[in-house]
Amino acid sequence: MLYAFENGIKVLEKKGKLEKFHTVFQAELIGLKEANISASQENEITKIWTDSLSSVMAVLDPPYPSSTRPRHPVPSHTESKYSG
């Protein structure tokens, strides 16, 4: 579930459905990716709130350099938005 608020008012609610084989971790990463995509379409400062520290750490501080092994596409995509 993705929500967007402006001045405390909900302006967007987006639901998605994943396959049964997806893990909670993958769902959280996909949620961060979707929030990132939505935020990047606006020309404003955006805050993304999550309670998934593990997902944030996977995006911002991956355990292996990308040259060491193939990475899951969701953290890779999201990380590229922050490594400018």
PDB file of N, CA and C in Angstrom:
ATOM      1  N   MET A   1       0.849  -1.163   0.000  1.00  0.00           N
ATOM      2  CA  MET A   1       0.000   0.000   0.000  1.00  0.00           C
ATOM      3  C   MET A   1       0.898   1.231   0.000  1.00  0.00           C
ATOM      4  N   LEU A   2       0.619   2.143  -0.876  1.00  0.00           N
ATOM      5  CA  LEU A   2       1.377   3.389  -0.983  1.00  0.00           C
ATOM      6  C   LEU A   2       0.406   4.549  -0.799  1.00  0.00           C
ATOM      7  N   TYR A   3       0.741   5.428   0.115  1.00  0.00           N
ATOM      8  CA  TYR A   3      -0.062   6.619   0.350  1.00  0.00           C
ATOM      9  C   TYR A   3       0.796   7.848   0.106  1.00  0.00           C
ATOM     10  N   ALA A   4       0.188   8.891  -0.405  1.00  0.00           N
ATOM     11  CA  ALA A   4       0.868  10.181  -0.537  1.00  0.00           C
ATOM     12  C   ALA A   4      -0.009  11.233   0.136  1.00  0.00           C
ATOM     13  N   PHE A   5       0.651  12.119   0.867  1.00  0.00           N
ATOM     14  CA  PHE A   5      -0.050  13.180   1.584  1.00  0.00           C
ATOM     15  C   PHE A   5       0.516  14.534   1.194  1.00  0.00           C
ATOM     16  N   GLU A   6      -0.351  15.526   1.122  1.00  0.00           N
ATOM     17  CA  GLU A   6       0.055  16.921   0.951  1.00  0.00           C
ATOM     18  C   GLU A   6      -0.629  17.723   2.040  1.00  0.00           C
ATOM     19  N   ASN A   7       0.167  18.417   2.835  1.00  0.00           N
ATOM     20  CA  ASN A   7      -0.363  19.214   3.944  1.00  0.00           C
ATOM     21  C   ASN A   7      -1.283  18.394   4.845  1.00  0.00           C
ATOM     22  N   GLY A   8      -0.911  17.135   5.085  1.00  0.00           N
ATOM     23  CA  GLY A   8      -1.673  16.269   5.970  1.00  0.00           C
ATOM     24  C   GLY A   8      -2.914  15.654   5.355  1.00  0.00           C
ATOM     25  N   ILE A   9      -3.153  15.898   4.079  1.00  0.00           N
ATOM     26  CA  ILE A   9      -4.336  15.359   3.402  1.00  0.00           C
ATOM     27  C   ILE A   9      -3.896  14.275   2.426  1.00  0.00           C
ATOM     28  N   LYS A  10      -4.549  13.107   2.511  1.00  0.00           N
ATOM     29  CA  LYS A  10      -4.201  12.008   1.614  1.00  0.00           C
ATOM     30  C   LYS A  10      -4.626  12.351   0.190  1.00  0.00           C
ATOM     31  N   VAL A  11      -3.660  12.349  -0.734  1.00  0.00           N
ATOM     32  CA  VAL A  11      -3.943  12.688  -2.126  1.00  0.00           C
ATOM     33  C   VAL A  11      -3.743  11.491  -3.054  1.00  0.00           C
ATOM     34  N   LEU A  12      -3.178  10.400  -2.530  1.00  0.00           N
ATOM     35  CA  LEU A  12      -2.955   9.221  -3.360  1.00  0.00           C
ATOM     36  C   LEU A  12      -2.986   7.981  -2.491  1.00  0.00           C
ATOM     37  N   GLU A  13      -3.660   6.963  -2.986  1.00  0.00           N
ATOM     38  CA  GLU A  13      -3.645   5.647  -2.360  1.00  0.00           C
ATOM     39  C   GLU A  13      -3.466   4.636  -3.481  1.00  0.00           C
ATOM     40  N   LYS A  14      -2.400   3.877  -3.406  1.00  0.00           N
ATOM     41  CA  LYS A  14      -2.092   2.934  -4.477  1.00  0.00           C
ATOM     42  C   LYS A  14      -1.915   1.544  -3.878  1.00  0.00           C
ATOM     43  N   LYS A  15      -2.637   0.588  -4.427  1.00  0.00           N
ATOM     44  CA  LYS A  15      -2.532  -0.793  -3.968  1.00  0.00           C
ATOM     45  C   LYS A  15      -1.899  -1.632  -5.063  1.00  0.00           C
ATOM     46  N   GLY A  16      -1.176  -2.624  -4.649  1.00  0.00           N
ATOM     47  CA  GLY A  16      -0.578  -3.544  -5.602  1.00  0.00           C
ATOM     48  C   GLY A  16      -0.750  -4.965  -5.114  1.00  0.00           C
ATOM     49  N   LYS A  17      -0.598  -5.899  -6.017  1.00  0.00           N
ATOM     50  CA  LYS A  17      -0.710  -7.305  -5.645  1.00  0.00           C
ATOM     51  C   LYS A  17       0.537  -8.017  -6.134  1.00  0.00           C
ATOM     52  N   LEU A  18       1.151  -8.764  -5.239  1.00  0.00           N
ATOM     53  CA  LEU A  18       2.346  -9.519  -5.577  1.00  0.00           C
ATOM     54  C   LEU A  18       1.999 -10.989  -5.728  1.00  0.00           C
ATOM     55  N   GLU A  19       2.907 -11.710  -6.324  1.00  0.00           N
ATOM     56  CA  GLU A  19       2.729 -13.155  -6.446  1.00  0.00           C
ATOM     57  C   GLU A  19       2.949 -13.808  -5.084  1.00  0.00           C
ATOM     58  N   LYS A  20       2.420 -15.017  -4.918  1.00  0.00           N
ATOM     59  CA  LYS A  20       2.532 -15.717  -3.639  1.00  0.00           C
ATOM     60  C   LYS A  20       3.973 -16.044  -3.270  1.00  0.00           C
ATOM     61  N   PHE A  21       4.861 -16.127  -4.258  1.00  0.00           N
ATOM     62  CA  PHE A  21       6.243 -16.495  -3.968  1.00  0.00           C
ATOM     63  C   PHE A  21       7.074 -15.318  -3.455  1.00  0.00           C
ATOM     64  N   HIS A  22       6.555 -14.097  -3.515  1.00  0.00           N
ATOM     65  CA  HIS A  22       7.300 -12.940  -3.018  1.00  0.00           C
ATOM     66  C   HIS A  22       7.387 -12.981  -1.494  1.00  0.00           C
ATOM     67  N   THR A  23       8.535 -12.570  -0.972  1.00  0.00           N
ATOM     68  CA  THR A  23       8.722 -12.489   0.474  1.00  0.00           C
ATOM     69  C   THR A  23       8.290 -11.115   0.971  1.00  0.00           C
ATOM     70  N   VAL A  24       8.168 -10.983   2.284  1.00  0.00           N
ATOM     71  CA  VAL A  24       7.844  -9.685   2.875  1.00  0.00           C
ATOM     72  C   VAL A  24       8.944  -8.680   2.530  1.00  0.00           C
ATOM     73  N   PHE A  25      10.199  -9.127   2.581  1.00  0.00           N
ATOM     74  CA  PHE A  25      11.328  -8.259   2.248  1.00  0.00           C
ATOM     75  C   PHE A  25      11.203  -7.740   0.816  1.00  0.00           C
ATOM     76  N   GLN A  26      10.874  -8.619  -0.123  1.00  0.00           N
ATOM     77  CA  GLN A  26      10.701  -8.192  -1.515  1.00  0.00           C
ATOM     78  C   GLN A  26       9.542  -7.209  -1.637  1.00  0.00           C
ATOM     79  N   ALA A  27       8.462  -7.460  -0.917  1.00  0.00           N
ATOM     80  CA  ALA A  27       7.314  -6.548  -0.959  1.00  0.00           C
ATOM     81  C   ALA A  27       7.702  -5.165  -0.443  1.00  0.00           C
ATOM     82  N   GLU A  28       8.500  -5.133   0.622  1.00  0.00           N
ATOM     83  CA  GLU A  28       8.941  -3.846   1.165  1.00  0.00           C
ATOM     84  C   GLU A  28       9.849  -3.118   0.179  1.00  0.00           C
ATOM     85  N   LEU A  29      10.728  -3.861  -0.494  1.00  0.00           N
ATOM     86  CA  LEU A  29      11.598  -3.249  -1.502  1.00  0.00           C
ATOM     87  C   LEU A  29      10.785  -2.698  -2.668  1.00  0.00           C
ATOM     88  N   ILE A  30       9.804  -3.448  -3.099  1.00  0.00           N
ATOM     89  CA  ILE A  30       8.955  -2.991  -4.203  1.00  0.00           C
ATOM     90  C   ILE A  30       8.179  -1.743  -3.779  1.00  0.00           C
ATOM     91  N   GLY A  31       7.714  -1.711  -2.533  1.00  0.00           N
ATOM     92  CA  GLY A  31       7.034  -0.522  -2.019  1.00  0.00           C
ATOM     93  C   GLY A  31       7.935   0.701  -2.034  1.00  0.00           C
ATOM     94  N   LEU A  32       9.190   0.518  -1.606  1.00  0.00           N
ATOM     95  CA  LEU A  32      10.151   1.630  -1.657  1.00  0.00           C
ATOM     96  C   LEU A  32      10.402   2.073  -3.091  1.00  0.00           C
ATOM     97  N   LYS A  33      10.510   1.101  -3.986  1.00  0.00           N
ATOM     98  CA  LYS A  33      10.739   1.429  -5.400  1.00  0.00           C
ATOM     99  C   LYS A  33       9.572   2.255  -5.946  1.00  0.00           C
ATOM    100  N   GLU A  34       8.342   1.817  -5.673  1.00  0.00           N
ATOM    101  CA  GLU A  34       7.166   2.538  -6.173  1.00  0.00           C
ATOM    102  C   GLU A  34       7.075   3.940  -5.567  1.00  0.00           C
ATOM    103  N   ALA A  35       7.379   4.058  -4.281  1.00  0.00           N
ATOM    104  CA  ALA A  35       7.375   5.381  -3.645  1.00  0.00           C
ATOM    105  C   ALA A  35       8.428   6.278  -4.273  1.00  0.00           C
ATOM    106  N   ASN A  36       9.575   5.694  -4.566  1.00  0.00           N
ATOM    107  CA  ASN A  36      10.668   6.441  -5.190  1.00  0.00           C
ATOM    108  C   ASN A  36      10.272   6.916  -6.588  1.00  0.00           C
ATOM    109  N   ILE A  37       9.639   6.055  -7.347  1.00  0.00           N
ATOM    110  CA  ILE A  37       9.196   6.423  -8.697  1.00  0.00           C
ATOM    111  C   ILE A  37       8.172   7.554  -8.619  1.00  0.00           C
ATOM    112  N   SER A  38       7.201   7.422  -7.712  1.00  0.00           N
ATOM    113  CA  SER A  38       6.192   8.476  -7.550  1.00  0.00           C
ATOM    114  C   SER A  38       6.836   9.794  -7.145  1.00  0.00           C
ATOM    115  N   ALA A  39       7.762   9.734  -6.195  1.00  0.00           N
ATOM    116  CA  ALA A  39       8.417  10.952  -5.712  1.00  0.00           C
ATOM    117  C   ALA A  39       9.262  11.600  -6.796  1.00  0.00           C
ATOM    118  N   SER A  40       9.890  10.797  -7.639  1.00  0.00           N
ATOM    119  CA  SER A  40      10.773  11.357  -8.664  1.00  0.00           C
ATOM    120  C   SER A  40       9.991  12.052  -9.781  1.00  0.00           C
ATOM    121  N   GLN A  41       8.691  11.810  -9.857  1.00  0.00           N
ATOM    122  CA  GLN A  41       7.871  12.456 -10.882  1.00  0.00           C
ATOM    123  C   GLN A  41       7.452  13.865 -10.467  1.00  0.00           C
ATOM    124  N   GLU A  42       7.630  14.188  -9.201  1.00  0.00           N
ATOM    125  CA  GLU A  42       7.283  15.513  -8.689  1.00  0.00           C
ATOM    126  C   GLU A  42       8.546  16.359  -8.620  1.00  0.00           C
ATOM    127  N   ASN A  43       8.398  17.640  -8.754  1.00  0.00           N
ATOM    128  CA  ASN A  43       9.540  18.546  -8.666  1.00  0.00           C
ATOM    129  C   ASN A  43       9.529  19.231  -7.299  1.00  0.00           C
ATOM    130  N   GLU A  44       9.396  18.409  -6.251  1.00  0.00           N
ATOM    131  CA  GLU A  44       9.310  18.925  -4.895  1.00  0.00           C
ATOM    132  C   GLU A  44      10.141  18.055  -3.966  1.00  0.00           C
ATOM    133  N   ILE A  45      10.470  18.582  -2.802  1.00  0.00           N
ATOM    134  CA  ILE A  45      11.123  17.782  -1.778  1.00  0.00           C
ATOM    135  C   ILE A  45      10.106  16.771  -1.265  1.00  0.00           C
ATOM    136  N   THR A  46      10.519  15.528  -1.168  1.00  0.00           N
ATOM    137  CA  THR A  46       9.616  14.453  -0.779  1.00  0.00           C
ATOM    138  C   THR A  46      10.226  13.656   0.358  1.00  0.00           C
ATOM    139  N   LYS A  47       9.400  13.259   1.315  1.00  0.00           N
ATOM    140  CA  LYS A  47       9.819  12.356   2.385  1.00  0.00           C
ATOM    141  C   LYS A  47       9.154  11.012   2.150  1.00  0.00           C
ATOM    142  N   ILE A  48       9.932   9.954   2.245  1.00  0.00           N
ATOM    143  CA  ILE A  48       9.394   8.603   2.134  1.00  0.00           C
ATOM    144  C   ILE A  48       9.554   7.954   3.500  1.00  0.00           C
ATOM    145  N   TRP A  49       8.444   7.519   4.088  1.00  0.00           N
ATOM    146  CA  TRP A  49       8.447   6.909   5.407  1.00  0.00           C
ATOM    147  C   TRP A  49       8.283   5.400   5.260  1.00  0.00           C
ATOM    148  N   THR A  50       9.081   4.655   5.997  1.00  0.00           N
ATOM    149  CA  THR A  50       8.968   3.201   6.010  1.00  0.00           C
ATOM    150  C   THR A  50       9.370   2.691   7.382  1.00  0.00           C
ATOM    151  N   ASP A  51       8.868   1.526   7.744  1.00  0.00           N
ATOM    152  CA  ASP A  51       9.298   0.899   8.992  1.00  0.00           C
ATOM    153  C   ASP A  51      10.233  -0.273   8.704  1.00  0.00           C
ATOM    154  N   SER A  52      10.743  -0.340   7.486  1.00  0.00           N
ATOM    155  CA  SER A  52      11.598  -1.452   7.077  1.00  0.00           C
ATOM    156  C   SER A  52      13.059  -1.016   6.985  1.00  0.00           C
ATOM    157  N   LEU A  53      13.743  -1.070   8.116  1.00  0.00           N
ATOM    158  CA  LEU A  53      15.153  -0.705   8.137  1.00  0.00           C
ATOM    159  C   LEU A  53      15.969  -1.612   7.224  1.00  0.00           C
ATOM    160  N   SER A  54      15.625  -2.899   7.173  1.00  0.00           N
ATOM    161  CA  SER A  54      16.392  -3.830   6.333  1.00  0.00           C
ATOM    162  C   SER A  54      16.298  -3.457   4.859  1.00  0.00           C
ATOM    163  N   SER A  55      15.148  -3.002   4.408  1.00  0.00           N
ATOM    164  CA  SER A  55      15.001  -2.595   3.008  1.00  0.00           C
ATOM    165  C   SER A  55      15.804  -1.335   2.717  1.00  0.00           C
ATOM    166  N   VAL A  56      15.762  -0.385   3.631  1.00  0.00           N
ATOM    167  CA  VAL A  56      16.532   0.847   3.442  1.00  0.00           C
ATOM    168  C   VAL A  56      18.019   0.526   3.395  1.00  0.00           C
ATOM    169  N   MET A  57      18.475  -0.349   4.290  1.00  0.00           N
ATOM    170  CA  MET A  57      19.891  -0.718   4.310  1.00  0.00           C
ATOM    171  C   MET A  57      20.285  -1.453   3.028  1.00  0.00           C
ATOM    172  N   ALA A  58      19.402  -2.279   2.490  1.00  0.00           N
ATOM    173  CA  ALA A  58      19.698  -2.984   1.237  1.00  0.00           C
ATOM    174  C   ALA A  58      19.875  -2.006   0.091  1.00  0.00           C
ATOM    175  N   VAL A  59      19.138  -0.911   0.121  1.00  0.00           N
ATOM    176  CA  VAL A  59      19.222   0.091  -0.935  1.00  0.00           C
ATOM    177  C   VAL A  59      20.447   0.987  -0.758  1.00  0.00           C
ATOM    178  N   LEU A  60      20.662   1.466   0.454  1.00  0.00           N
ATOM    179  CA  LEU A  60      21.711   2.455   0.688  1.00  0.00           C
ATOM    180  C   LEU A  60      23.085   1.865   0.968  1.00  0.00           C
ATOM    181  N   ASP A  61      23.138   0.655   1.503  1.00  0.00           N
ATOM    182  CA  ASP A  61      24.417   0.061   1.883  1.00  0.00           C
ATOM    183  C   ASP A  61      24.429  -1.420   1.512  1.00  0.00           C
ATOM    184  N   PRO A  62      24.479  -1.739   0.211  1.00  0.00           N
ATOM    185  CA  PRO A  62      24.439  -3.143  -0.197  1.00  0.00           C
ATOM    186  C   PRO A  62      25.658  -3.893   0.349  1.00  0.00           C
ATOM    187  N   PRO A  63      25.478  -5.175   0.725  1.00  0.00           N
ATOM    188  CA  PRO A  63      26.574  -5.923   1.336  1.00  0.00           C
ATOM    189  C   PRO A  63      27.711  -6.268   0.382  1.00  0.00           C
ATOM    190  N   TYR A  64      27.455  -6.283  -0.914  1.00  0.00           N
ATOM    191  CA  TYR A  64      28.475  -6.656  -1.889  1.00  0.00           C
ATOM    192  C   TYR A  64      28.544  -5.603  -2.985  1.00  0.00           C
ATOM    193  N   PRO A  65      29.736  -5.324  -3.496  1.00  0.00           N
ATOM    194  CA  PRO A  65      29.820  -4.436  -4.664  1.00  0.00           C
ATOM    195  C   PRO A  65      29.090  -5.068  -5.845  1.00  0.00           C
ATOM    196  N   SER A  66      28.527  -4.252  -6.695  1.00  0.00           N
ATOM    197  CA  SER A  66      27.749  -4.783  -7.818  1.00  0.00           C
ATOM    198  C   SER A  66      28.589  -5.647  -8.737  1.00  0.00           C
ATOM    199  N   SER A  67      29.897  -5.445  -8.747  1.00  0.00           N
ATOM    200  CA  SER A  67      30.749  -6.255  -9.616  1.00  0.00           C
ATOM    201  C   SER A  67      30.980  -7.654  -9.052  1.00  0.00           C
ATOM    202  N   THR A  68      30.658  -7.881  -7.768  1.00  0.00           N
ATOM    203  CA  THR A  68      30.909  -9.175  -7.137  1.00  0.00           C
ATOM    204  C   THR A  68      29.883 -10.214  -7.555  1.00  0.00           C
ATOM    205  N   ARG A  69      28.634  -9.826  -7.593  1.00  0.00           N
ATOM    206  CA  ARG A  69      27.583 -10.767  -7.962  1.00  0.00           C
ATOM    207  C   ARG A  69      26.384  -9.989  -8.485  1.00  0.00           C
ATOM    208  N   PRO A  70      25.525 -10.657  -9.248  1.00  0.00           N
ATOM    209  CA  PRO A  70      24.312  -9.968  -9.707  1.00  0.00           C
ATOM    210  C   PRO A  70      23.444  -9.603  -8.506  1.00  0.00           C
ATOM    211  N   ARG A  71      22.843  -8.442  -8.567  1.00  0.00           N
ATOM    212  CA  ARG A  71      21.987  -7.993  -7.474  1.00  0.00           C
ATOM    213  C   ARG A  71      20.536  -8.047  -7.891  1.00  0.00           C
ATOM    214  N   HIS A  72      19.682  -8.122  -6.901  1.00  0.00           N
ATOM    215  CA  HIS A  72      18.250  -8.077  -7.158  1.00  0.00           C
ATOM    216  C   HIS A  72      17.931  -6.726  -7.796  1.00  0.00           C
ATOM    217  N   PRO A  73      17.093  -6.673  -8.822  1.00  0.00           N
ATOM    218  CA  PRO A  73      16.852  -5.418  -9.542  1.00  0.00           C
ATOM    219  C   PRO A  73      16.169  -4.330  -8.716  1.00  0.00           C
ATOM    220  N   VAL A  74      15.391  -4.693  -7.696  1.00  0.00           N
ATOM    221  CA  VAL A  74      14.675  -3.660  -6.947  1.00  0.00           C
ATOM    222  C   VAL A  74      15.624  -2.784  -6.143  1.00  0.00           C
ATOM    223  N   PRO A  75      16.527  -3.344  -5.290  1.00  0.00           N
ATOM    224  CA  PRO A  75      17.451  -2.437  -4.602  1.00  0.00           C
ATOM    225  C   PRO A  75      18.371  -1.708  -5.572  1.00  0.00           C
ATOM    226  N   SER A  76      18.767  -2.369  -6.646  1.00  0.00           N
ATOM    227  CA  SER A  76      19.653  -1.720  -7.621  1.00  0.00           C
ATOM    228  C   SER A  76      18.979  -0.505  -8.239  1.00  0.00           C
ATOM    229  N   HIS A  77      17.718  -0.647  -8.637  1.00  0.00           N
ATOM    230  CA  HIS A  77      16.978   0.456  -9.251  1.00  0.00           C
ATOM    231  C   HIS A  77      16.812   1.603  -8.254  1.00  0.00           C
ATOM    232  N   THR A  78      16.425   1.256  -7.030  1.00  0.00           N
ATOM    233  CA  THR A  78      16.173   2.279  -6.026  1.00  0.00           C
ATOM    234  C   THR A  78      17.462   2.971  -5.633  1.00  0.00           C
ATOM    235  N   GLU A  79      18.543   2.210  -5.483  1.00  0.00           N
ATOM    236  CA  GLU A  79      19.837   2.787  -5.114  1.00  0.00           C
ATOM    237  C   GLU A  79      20.302   3.794  -6.152  1.00  0.00           C
ATOM    238  N   SER A  80      20.070   3.506  -7.434  1.00  0.00           N
ATOM    239  CA  SER A  80      20.555   4.397  -8.491  1.00  0.00           C
ATOM    240  C   SER A  80      19.928   5.780  -8.389  1.00  0.00           C
ATOM    241  N   LYS A  81      18.753   5.891  -7.800  1.00  0.00           N
ATOM    242  CA  LYS A  81      18.104   7.188  -7.623  1.00  0.00           C
ATOM    243  C   LYS A  81      18.823   8.030  -6.578  1.00  0.00           C
ATOM    244  N   TYR A  82      19.545   7.372  -5.652  1.00  0.00           N
ATOM    245  CA  TYR A  82      20.202   8.089  -4.568  1.00  0.00           C
ATOM    246  C   TYR A  82      21.680   8.294  -4.796  1.00  0.00           C
ATOM    247  N   SER A  83      22.274   7.570  -5.734  1.00  0.00           N
ATOM    248  CA  SER A  83      23.724   7.649  -5.892  1.00  0.00           C
ATOM    249  C   SER A  83      24.136   8.617  -6.990  1.00  0.00           C
ATOM    250  N   GLY A  84      23.161   9.357  -7.527  1.00  0.00           N
ATOM    251  CA  GLY A  84      23.286  10.419  -8.472  1.00  0.00           C
ATOM    252  C   GLY A  84      24.487  10.524  -9.243  1.00  0.00           C
TER     253      GLY A  84
END
